[in-house]
Protein backbone atom coordinates (compact mmCIF):
# COMPACT_ATOMS: atom_id res chain seq x y z
CA MET A 1 -9.37 11.93 -14.18
CA LEU A 2 -7.52 13.48 -11.34
CA ARG A 3 -5.59 10.48 -10.30
CA SER A 4 -4.08 10.11 -14.05
CA VAL A 5 -3.18 13.55 -14.19
CA LEU A 6 -1.31 13.02 -10.74
CA GLU A 7 0.24 10.10 -11.97
CA ALA A 8 1.59 11.47 -15.08
CA VAL A 9 2.93 14.51 -13.09
CA LEU A 10 3.94 12.69 -9.89
CA PRO A 11 6.32 9.58 -9.57
CA LEU A 12 4.57 6.40 -8.04
CA ARG A 13 6.26 5.69 -4.85
CA ASN A 14 5.64 2.07 -5.58
CA PRO A 15 5.63 1.79 -9.39
CA GLU A 16 6.03 -2.44 -9.55
CA PHE A 17 3.56 -3.33 -6.84
CA GLU A 18 0.86 0.06 -7.04
CA GLU A 19 -1.82 -2.26 -8.83
CA ARG A 20 -1.26 -4.89 -6.11
CA PHE A 21 -2.24 -3.02 -3.26
CA ASP A 22 -6.01 -3.99 -3.84
CA ASP A 23 -5.35 -7.62 -3.25
CA VAL A 24 -3.45 -7.23 0.01
CA CYS A 25 -5.59 -9.02 2.67
CA ARG A 26 -3.23 -8.62 5.40
CA TRP A 27 0.13 -6.83 6.23
CA LEU A 28 3.19 -8.33 7.98
CA LEU A 29 5.57 -5.45 9.30
CA GLU A 30 9.04 -5.10 10.55
CA VAL A 31 8.92 -2.00 13.12
CA ASP A 32 12.05 -0.69 14.33
CA GLY A 33 11.74 -0.74 18.20
CA ALA A 34 13.25 2.31 19.21
CA THR A 35 11.20 4.60 16.72
CA GLY A 36 7.99 2.64 15.93
CA LEU A 37 8.67 3.33 12.10
CA VAL A 38 8.27 0.56 9.63
CA SER A 39 11.46 -0.75 8.22
CA ARG A 40 10.20 -3.66 6.09
CA GLU A 41 6.63 -4.80 4.92
CA LEU A 42 5.06 -7.65 3.21
CA GLY A 43 1.72 -7.60 1.94
CA LEU A 44 -0.10 -11.17 1.82
CA ASP A 45 -2.85 -12.05 -0.48
CA ALA A 46 -6.06 -14.34 0.46
CA ASP A 47 -3.73 -17.18 0.19
CA ASP A 48 -1.22 -15.77 2.59
CA ARG A 49 1.60 -15.23 -0.51
CA PRO A 50 3.40 -12.20 -0.33
CA ILE A 51 2.49 -10.04 -3.12
CA VAL A 52 4.11 -6.94 -2.52
CA ALA A 53 7.27 -5.99 -0.47
CA ALA A 54 9.24 -2.86 0.49
CA PRO A 55 11.76 -1.66 0.46
CA VAL A 56 12.39 -3.31 -2.97
CA GLY A 57 14.12 -1.54 -5.91
CA GLU A 58 12.07 1.62 -6.71
CA ASN A 59 9.44 0.70 -4.18
CA VAL A 60 9.36 2.42 -1.07
CA GLY A 61 6.37 0.83 0.33
CA PHE A 62 3.06 1.52 1.59
CA TRP A 63 3.73 2.11 5.40
CA ALA A 64 7.81 1.95 5.25
CA GLY A 65 7.39 5.06 2.82
CA THR A 66 6.14 6.99 5.62
CA ASN A 67 7.84 8.89 8.39
CA ASP A 68 5.19 8.25 11.15
CA PRO A 69 5.31 5.85 14.38
CA LEU A 70 2.70 2.99 13.94
CA ASP A 71 -0.57 3.11 16.11
CA TRP A 72 -0.39 -0.45 17.54
CA ARG A 73 -4.23 -0.67 18.55
CA GLY A 74 -5.78 -3.50 16.48
CA MET A 75 -2.44 -5.04 15.49
CA VAL A 76 -1.16 -8.33 16.56
CA ARG A 77 2.38 -8.87 17.02
CA VAL A 78 4.00 -12.10 15.31
CA ASP A 79 7.18 -13.77 15.65
CA ALA A 80 10.27 -12.08 13.68
CA ALA A 81 10.78 -15.71 12.20
CA LEU A 82 7.48 -15.41 10.49
CA PHE A 83 8.31 -12.09 8.80
CA GLU A 84 11.84 -13.61 7.60
CA ALA A 85 10.33 -16.72 6.44
CA ALA A 86 7.75 -14.55 4.22
CA TRP A 87 10.24 -12.13 2.90
CA GLY A 88 12.39 -15.24 1.98
CA ARG A 89 9.66 -16.66 -0.08
CA PHE A 90 8.82 -13.53 -1.63
CA ALA A 91 12.73 -12.74 -2.45
CA LYS A 92 12.88 -16.30 -3.86
CA GLU A 93 9.88 -15.98 -6.06
CA ARG A 94 11.17 -12.45 -7.16
CA ARG A 95 14.69 -13.56 -7.38
CA LEU A 96 15.75 -10.59 -5.22
């Protein structure tokens, strides 16, 4: 009940992807090395397909929409080319 009231009053930060966050199994994050802030993000499903991305349109992101530096404990660094390839797949499928 409270959630529906809040959603009616406050705009969603990720209107296009909000319902897909429950299906995200893994995140790929592009992080600014100087600030530690997330600049872009991709949420991957169980088949490693990108299903959410931000910032895209009105979607500010789950991680990218914050102004808090990441706590890197428990995270694995991946090659930037992997992120770019996944972003390209998402962009092609979504026709960005």
